[in-house]
Amino acid sequence: MPVYVINCDLNTSEQEKQINAAIKDLSGGSWCRIFDSAWLVVHNGPSAAIYDRLAPFMDELDRLFVINVGADYKSRLNSGPSGWVKKVLG
């Protein structure tokens, strides 16, 4: 299954709650928050589907970036996210 990075720059905490819930839902439970505004999610669809799902919760001042991740990566993460990444991406 494809893994995506979702990076959100939001202006309000209410938006953050909605985005967080939507990310967890669209990932089918396979997600990892790697930074305050960045997530890794497993999603069986294109990046546009993720964008379209999250965009309604955003306003014109917010930013959203979604990109597919491959097995060629390098990271320096805390143990929780690092374990998830190794499990999912190898």
Protein backbone atom coordinates (compact mmCIF):
# COMPACT_ATOMS: atom_id res chain seq x y z
CA MET A 1 0.00 0.00 0.00
CA PRO A 2 1.25 3.50 -0.75
CA VAL A 3 2.54 5.71 2.06
CA TYR A 4 2.09 9.48 1.93
CA VAL A 5 3.52 12.43 3.82
CA ILE A 6 0.86 14.96 4.75
CA ASN A 7 2.13 18.33 5.92
CA CYS A 8 -0.40 20.87 7.20
CA ASP A 9 0.15 24.44 8.33
CA LEU A 10 -3.07 25.43 10.10
CA ASN A 11 -4.21 28.61 11.83
CA THR A 12 -6.66 27.34 14.46
CA SER A 13 -6.79 24.48 16.92
CA GLU A 14 -10.34 23.62 15.80
CA GLN A 15 -9.07 23.01 12.28
CA GLU A 16 -6.30 20.85 13.70
CA LYS A 17 -8.83 18.62 15.50
CA GLN A 18 -10.84 18.18 12.29
CA ILE A 19 -7.78 17.51 10.13
CA ASN A 20 -6.37 15.03 12.67
CA ALA A 21 -9.65 13.09 12.74
CA ALA A 22 -9.87 13.08 8.94
CA ILE A 23 -6.26 11.87 8.58
CA LYS A 24 -6.83 9.03 11.03
CA ASP A 25 -10.03 8.09 9.20
CA LEU A 26 -8.64 8.13 5.66
CA SER A 27 -5.61 6.09 6.70
CA GLY A 28 -7.73 3.19 7.91
CA GLY A 29 -5.84 3.30 11.19
CA SER A 30 -2.35 3.09 9.70
CA TRP A 31 -0.81 6.49 10.41
CA CYS A 32 2.07 8.06 12.29
CA ARG A 33 2.50 11.67 13.34
CA ILE A 34 6.18 12.41 12.76
CA PHE A 35 6.18 16.15 13.58
CA ASP A 36 3.62 18.63 14.92
CA SER A 37 2.36 19.34 11.41
CA ALA A 38 3.48 16.24 9.51
CA TRP A 39 1.96 12.77 9.22
CA LEU A 40 2.79 9.54 7.44
CA VAL A 41 -0.28 7.59 6.36
CA VAL A 42 -1.02 4.44 4.45
CA HIS A 43 -3.67 5.20 1.85
CA ASN A 44 -4.77 3.13 -1.14
CA GLY A 45 -5.45 5.99 -3.51
CA PRO A 46 -3.87 9.02 -5.13
CA SER A 47 -2.56 12.07 -3.31
CA ALA A 48 -5.41 14.10 -4.83
CA ALA A 49 -7.93 11.99 -2.86
CA ILE A 50 -6.13 12.85 0.40
CA TYR A 51 -5.97 16.51 -0.55
CA ASP A 52 -9.66 16.58 -1.48
CA ARG A 53 -10.58 14.98 1.85
CA LEU A 54 -8.62 17.50 3.93
CA ALA A 55 -9.08 20.72 1.94
CA PRO A 56 -12.66 21.42 3.16
CA PHE A 57 -11.33 21.87 6.71
CA MET A 58 -8.86 24.56 5.63
CA ASP A 59 -9.11 28.26 4.92
CA GLU A 60 -7.18 30.49 2.53
CA LEU A 61 -4.36 31.06 5.05
CA ASP A 62 -3.69 27.35 5.64
CA ARG A 63 -1.19 25.25 3.70
CA LEU A 64 -1.32 21.58 2.70
CA PHE A 65 1.27 19.37 1.02
CA VAL A 66 0.72 15.67 0.17
CA ILE A 67 3.36 13.46 -1.46
CA ASN A 68 3.88 9.73 -1.99
CA VAL A 69 6.87 8.22 -0.16
CA GLY A 70 8.94 5.31 -1.40
CA ALA A 71 11.21 2.87 0.37
CA ASP A 72 14.23 5.08 -0.36
CA TYR A 73 14.23 7.34 2.68
CA LYS A 74 16.48 8.55 5.46
CA SER A 75 15.17 9.85 8.76
CA ARG A 76 16.04 10.92 12.26
CA LEU A 77 12.88 10.39 14.28
CA ASN A 78 11.92 9.49 17.82
CA SER A 79 11.59 5.77 18.55
CA GLY A 80 7.79 5.57 18.08
CA PRO A 81 7.67 7.12 14.60
CA SER A 82 10.94 5.44 13.65
CA GLY A 83 9.52 2.00 14.48
CA TRP A 84 6.37 2.68 12.44
CA VAL A 85 8.42 3.84 9.47
CA LYS A 86 10.66 0.76 9.56
CA LYS A 87 7.63 -1.53 9.85
CA VAL A 88 5.73 0.09 6.97
CA LEU A 89 8.52 1.14 4.60
CA GLY A 90 11.10 -1.48 5.50
